[in-house]
Amino acid sequence: MDAIVGENVFWLRIMADHLKFIRGLLDPSERQLLEQARSLGDKFDQLNLHSRDLASMLWHYKPNNDFIRFEKEVRQNTERLLEFKTAAQVLIAECAALSDIPPLLADHVRREAEHFLEILEKIRVELMECDQSSICCCTYDD
């Protein structure tokens, strides 16, 4: 459980930082992209704070329903983030968005979101195994 919470704290901070960085490199005229980056950044800041709260409350304990719900919310928002980063990468590669973001950086931040989703999948599997062994009091169904 400690490792799962630690992974969330680390990756949620990275994703929030990515969004702030992207937002700073976008041209002010790209209002729609700026708003999406701001909105997602705010959400990831909230998730990061929630993960830190969970880290202090659940240290060495079994997953509970709040943690399971949190993991689902993280996964859903990371999927939204990946969609945003993929769309931004395409716009940057096609020179259709005004920004100071190099295409390689756009590719890098997209791949990090994909990697976080892979980690979240491993966490989901681990939580499902925990549920099947009757150790936990909750279920992780998509």
C-alpha atoms as a PDB file:
ATOM      1  CA  MET A   1       0.000   0.000   0.000  1.00  0.00           C
ATOM      2  CA  ASP A   2       2.854   2.379   0.827  1.00  0.00           C
ATOM      3  CA  ALA A   3       4.353   1.956  -2.649  1.00  0.00           C
ATOM      4  CA  ILE A   4       0.998   2.576  -4.356  1.00  0.00           C
ATOM      5  CA  VAL A   5       0.426   5.798  -2.458  1.00  0.00           C
ATOM      6  CA  GLY A   6       4.014   6.874  -3.119  1.00  0.00           C
ATOM      7  CA  GLU A   7       3.623   6.277  -6.856  1.00  0.00           C
ATOM      8  CA  ASN A   8       0.499   8.433  -6.875  1.00  0.00           C
ATOM      9  CA  VAL A   9       2.173  11.275  -4.983  1.00  0.00           C
ATOM     10  CA  PHE A  10       5.161  11.245  -7.351  1.00  0.00           C
ATOM     11  CA  TRP A  11       3.318  10.942 -10.667  1.00  0.00           C
ATOM     12  CA  LEU A  12       0.487  13.328  -9.832  1.00  0.00           C
ATOM     13  CA  ARG A  13       3.040  16.010  -8.996  1.00  0.00           C
ATOM     14  CA  ILE A  14       4.856  15.335 -12.287  1.00  0.00           C
ATOM     15  CA  MET A  15       1.615  15.544 -14.301  1.00  0.00           C
ATOM     16  CA  ALA A  16       0.621  18.813 -12.568  1.00  0.00           C
ATOM     17  CA  ASP A  17       4.093  20.238 -13.239  1.00  0.00           C
ATOM     18  CA  HIS A  18       3.880  19.217 -16.906  1.00  0.00           C
ATOM     19  CA  LEU A  19       0.633  21.129 -17.279  1.00  0.00           C
ATOM     20  CA  LYS A  20       2.054  24.261 -15.669  1.00  0.00           C
ATOM     21  CA  PHE A  21       5.114  24.036 -17.907  1.00  0.00           C
ATOM     22  CA  ILE A  22       3.018  23.512 -21.052  1.00  0.00           C
ATOM     23  CA  ARG A  23       0.764  26.403 -20.090  1.00  0.00           C
ATOM     24  CA  GLY A  24       3.801  28.664 -19.742  1.00  0.00           C
ATOM     25  CA  LEU A  25       5.039  27.773 -23.231  1.00  0.00           C
ATOM     26  CA  LEU A  26       1.738  28.298 -25.048  1.00  0.00           C
ATOM     27  CA  ASP A  27       1.077  31.530 -26.874  1.00  0.00           C
ATOM     28  CA  PRO A  28      -1.551  33.650 -25.055  1.00  0.00           C
ATOM     29  CA  SER A  29      -3.684  33.606 -28.219  1.00  0.00           C
ATOM     30  CA  GLU A  30      -4.164  29.829 -27.810  1.00  0.00           C
ATOM     31  CA  ARG A  31      -7.022  30.423 -25.386  1.00  0.00           C
ATOM     32  CA  GLN A  32      -8.668  27.017 -25.750  1.00  0.00           C
ATOM     33  CA  LEU A  33      -5.419  25.104 -25.139  1.00  0.00           C
ATOM     34  CA  LEU A  34      -4.544  27.416 -22.264  1.00  0.00           C
ATOM     35  CA  GLU A  35      -7.934  26.843 -20.647  1.00  0.00           C
ATOM     36  CA  GLN A  36      -7.654  23.072 -21.049  1.00  0.00           C
ATOM     37  CA  ALA A  37      -4.139  23.105 -19.562  1.00  0.00           C
ATOM     38  CA  ARG A  38      -5.304  25.333 -16.672  1.00  0.00           C
ATOM     39  CA  SER A  39      -8.351  23.191 -15.942  1.00  0.00           C
ATOM     40  CA  LEU A  40      -6.405  19.924 -16.053  1.00  0.00           C
ATOM     41  CA  GLY A  41      -3.588  21.488 -14.028  1.00  0.00           C
ATOM     42  CA  ASP A  42      -6.034  22.539 -11.313  1.00  0.00           C
ATOM     43  CA  LYS A  43      -7.495  19.019 -11.246  1.00  0.00           C
ATOM     44  CA  PHE A  44      -4.063  17.400 -10.970  1.00  0.00           C
ATOM     45  CA  ASP A  45      -3.084  19.822  -8.201  1.00  0.00           C
ATOM     46  CA  GLN A  46      -6.222  18.723  -6.313  1.00  0.00           C
ATOM     47  CA  LEU A  47      -5.460  15.053  -6.950  1.00  0.00           C
ATOM     48  CA  ASN A  48      -1.886  15.572  -5.783  1.00  0.00           C
ATOM     49  CA  LEU A  49      -3.114  17.128  -2.526  1.00  0.00           C
ATOM     50  CA  HIS A  50      -5.586  14.258  -2.081  1.00  0.00           C
ATOM     51  CA  SER A  51      -2.785  11.716  -2.660  1.00  0.00           C
ATOM     52  CA  ARG A  52      -0.699  13.417   0.028  1.00  0.00           C
ATOM     53  CA  ASP A  53      -3.666  13.258   2.403  1.00  0.00           C
ATOM     54  CA  LEU A  54      -4.057   9.559   1.659  1.00  0.00           C
ATOM     55  CA  ALA A  55      -0.336   9.044   2.201  1.00  0.00           C
ATOM     56  CA  SER A  56      -0.624  10.458   5.706  1.00  0.00           C
ATOM     57  CA  MET A  57      -3.856   8.571   6.523  1.00  0.00           C
ATOM     58  CA  LEU A  58      -3.300   5.170   4.933  1.00  0.00           C
ATOM     59  CA  TRP A  59       0.319   4.568   5.734  1.00  0.00           C
ATOM     60  CA  HIS A  60       0.730   0.790   6.246  1.00  0.00           C
ATOM     61  CA  TYR A  61      -3.004   0.098   5.956  1.00  0.00           C
ATOM     62  CA  LYS A  62      -5.115  -1.848   3.507  1.00  0.00           C
ATOM     63  CA  PRO A  63      -6.981  -0.065   0.693  1.00  0.00           C
ATOM     64  CA  ASN A  64     -10.427   1.244   1.551  1.00  0.00           C
ATOM     65  CA  ASN A  65     -13.333   2.543  -0.524  1.00  0.00           C
ATOM     66  CA  ASP A  66     -12.019   6.127  -0.519  1.00  0.00           C
ATOM     67  CA  PHE A  67      -8.701   4.917  -1.917  1.00  0.00           C
ATOM     68  CA  ILE A  68     -10.383   2.797  -4.591  1.00  0.00           C
ATOM     69  CA  ARG A  69     -12.555   5.748  -5.637  1.00  0.00           C
ATOM     70  CA  PHE A  70      -9.458   7.958  -5.688  1.00  0.00           C
ATOM     71  CA  GLU A  71      -7.592   5.520  -7.959  1.00  0.00           C
ATOM     72  CA  LYS A  72     -10.513   5.482 -10.404  1.00  0.00           C
ATOM     73  CA  GLU A  73     -10.600   9.288 -10.457  1.00  0.00           C
ATOM     74  CA  VAL A  74      -6.843   9.442 -11.054  1.00  0.00           C
ATOM     75  CA  ARG A  75      -7.136   6.982 -13.941  1.00  0.00           C
ATOM     76  CA  GLN A  76     -10.025   8.873 -15.579  1.00  0.00           C
ATOM     77  CA  ASN A  77      -8.238  12.206 -15.318  1.00  0.00           C
ATOM     78  CA  THR A  78      -4.951  10.761 -16.568  1.00  0.00           C
ATOM     79  CA  GLU A  79      -6.800   9.413 -19.611  1.00  0.00           C
ATOM     80  CA  ARG A  80      -8.160  12.947 -20.215  1.00  0.00           C
ATOM     81  CA  LEU A  81      -4.639  14.300 -19.772  1.00  0.00           C
ATOM     82  CA  LEU A  82      -3.248  11.838 -22.306  1.00  0.00           C
ATOM     83  CA  GLU A  83      -5.916  12.908 -24.809  1.00  0.00           C
ATOM     84  CA  PHE A  84      -4.956  16.562 -24.244  1.00  0.00           C
ATOM     85  CA  LYS A  85      -1.222  15.873 -24.583  1.00  0.00           C
ATOM     86  CA  THR A  86      -1.748  13.769 -27.713  1.00  0.00           C
ATOM     87  CA  ALA A  87      -3.884  16.485 -29.333  1.00  0.00           C
ATOM     88  CA  ALA A  88      -1.357  19.161 -28.371  1.00  0.00           C
ATOM     89  CA  GLN A  89       1.485  17.057 -29.762  1.00  0.00           C
ATOM     90  CA  VAL A  90      -0.317  16.739 -33.107  1.00  0.00           C
ATOM     91  CA  LEU A  91      -1.049  20.478 -33.226  1.00  0.00           C
ATOM     92  CA  ILE A  92       2.576  21.293 -32.438  1.00  0.00           C
ATOM     93  CA  ALA A  93       3.930  18.833 -35.009  1.00  0.00           C
ATOM     94  CA  GLU A  94       1.627  20.296 -37.681  1.00  0.00           C
ATOM     95  CA  CYS A  95       2.544  23.879 -36.651  1.00  0.00           C
ATOM     96  CA  ALA A  96      -1.163  24.426 -36.000  1.00  0.00           C
ATOM     97  CA  ALA A  97      -0.662  25.761 -32.461  1.00  0.00           C
ATOM     98  CA  LEU A  98       1.387  28.759 -31.440  1.00  0.00           C
ATOM     99  CA  SER A  99       3.832  27.718 -28.748  1.00  0.00           C
ATOM    100  CA  ASP A 100       7.473  27.474 -27.753  1.00  0.00           C
ATOM    101  CA  ILE A 101       7.094  23.732 -27.179  1.00  0.00           C
ATOM    102  CA  PRO A 102       9.514  21.657 -29.260  1.00  0.00           C
ATOM    103  CA  PRO A 103       7.941  18.535 -30.830  1.00  0.00           C
ATOM    104  CA  LEU A 104      10.327  16.274 -28.875  1.00  0.00           C
ATOM    105  CA  LEU A 105       9.188  17.790 -25.583  1.00  0.00           C
ATOM    106  CA  ALA A 106       5.545  17.296 -26.578  1.00  0.00           C
ATOM    107  CA  ASP A 107       6.344  13.655 -27.354  1.00  0.00           C
ATOM    108  CA  HIS A 108       8.139  13.237 -24.032  1.00  0.00           C
ATOM    109  CA  VAL A 109       5.294  14.554 -21.866  1.00  0.00           C
ATOM    110  CA  ARG A 110       2.774  12.430 -23.804  1.00  0.00           C
ATOM    111  CA  ARG A 111       4.883   9.301 -23.229  1.00  0.00           C
ATOM    112  CA  GLU A 112       5.136  10.077 -19.505  1.00  0.00           C
ATOM    113  CA  ALA A 113       1.329  10.234 -19.296  1.00  0.00           C
ATOM    114  CA  GLU A 114       1.189   6.857 -21.079  1.00  0.00           C
ATOM    115  CA  HIS A 115       3.701   5.465 -18.577  1.00  0.00           C
ATOM    116  CA  PHE A 116       1.621   6.734 -15.647  1.00  0.00           C
ATOM    117  CA  LEU A 117      -1.427   4.982 -17.123  1.00  0.00           C
ATOM    118  CA  GLU A 118       0.608   1.755 -17.271  1.00  0.00           C
ATOM    119  CA  ILE A 119       1.468   2.177 -13.596  1.00  0.00           C
ATOM    120  CA  LEU A 120      -2.194   2.835 -12.791  1.00  0.00           C
ATOM    121  CA  GLU A 121      -3.131  -0.384 -14.603  1.00  0.00           C
ATOM    122  CA  LYS A 122      -0.653  -2.340 -12.458  1.00  0.00           C
ATOM    123  CA  ILE A 123      -2.153  -0.716  -9.360  1.00  0.00           C
ATOM    124  CA  ARG A 124      -5.662  -1.660 -10.544  1.00  0.00           C
ATOM    125  CA  VAL A 125      -4.599  -5.285 -11.025  1.00  0.00           C
ATOM    126  CA  GLU A 126      -2.945  -5.350  -7.615  1.00  0.00           C
ATOM    127  CA  LEU A 127      -6.062  -3.925  -5.960  1.00  0.00           C
ATOM    128  CA  MET A 128      -8.255  -6.478  -7.762  1.00  0.00           C
ATOM    129  CA  GLU A 129      -5.988  -9.298  -6.549  1.00  0.00           C
ATOM    130  CA  CYS A 130      -6.201  -7.876  -3.043  1.00  0.00           C
ATOM    131  CA  ASP A 131     -10.004  -7.897  -3.295  1.00  0.00           C
ATOM    132  CA  GLN A 132     -10.079 -11.479  -4.597  1.00  0.00           C
ATOM    133  CA  SER A 133      -7.967 -12.701  -1.704  1.00  0.00           C
ATOM    134  CA  SER A 134     -10.556 -11.206   0.707  1.00  0.00           C
ATOM    135  CA  ILE A 135      -7.927  -9.006   2.340  1.00  0.00           C
ATOM    136  CA  CYS A 136      -9.675  -5.802   1.349  1.00  0.00           C
ATOM    137  CA  CYS A 137     -13.142  -4.578   2.095  1.00  0.00           C
ATOM    138  CA  CYS A 138     -13.716  -2.986  -1.284  1.00  0.00           C
ATOM    139  CA  THR A 139     -13.816  -3.736  -5.014  1.00  0.00           C
ATOM    140  CA  TYR A 140     -12.120  -2.215  -8.024  1.00  0.00           C
ATOM    141  CA  ASP A 141     -14.418  -2.637 -10.988  1.00  0.00           C
ATOM    142  CA  ASP A 142     -14.096  -0.332 -14.008  1.00  0.00           C
END
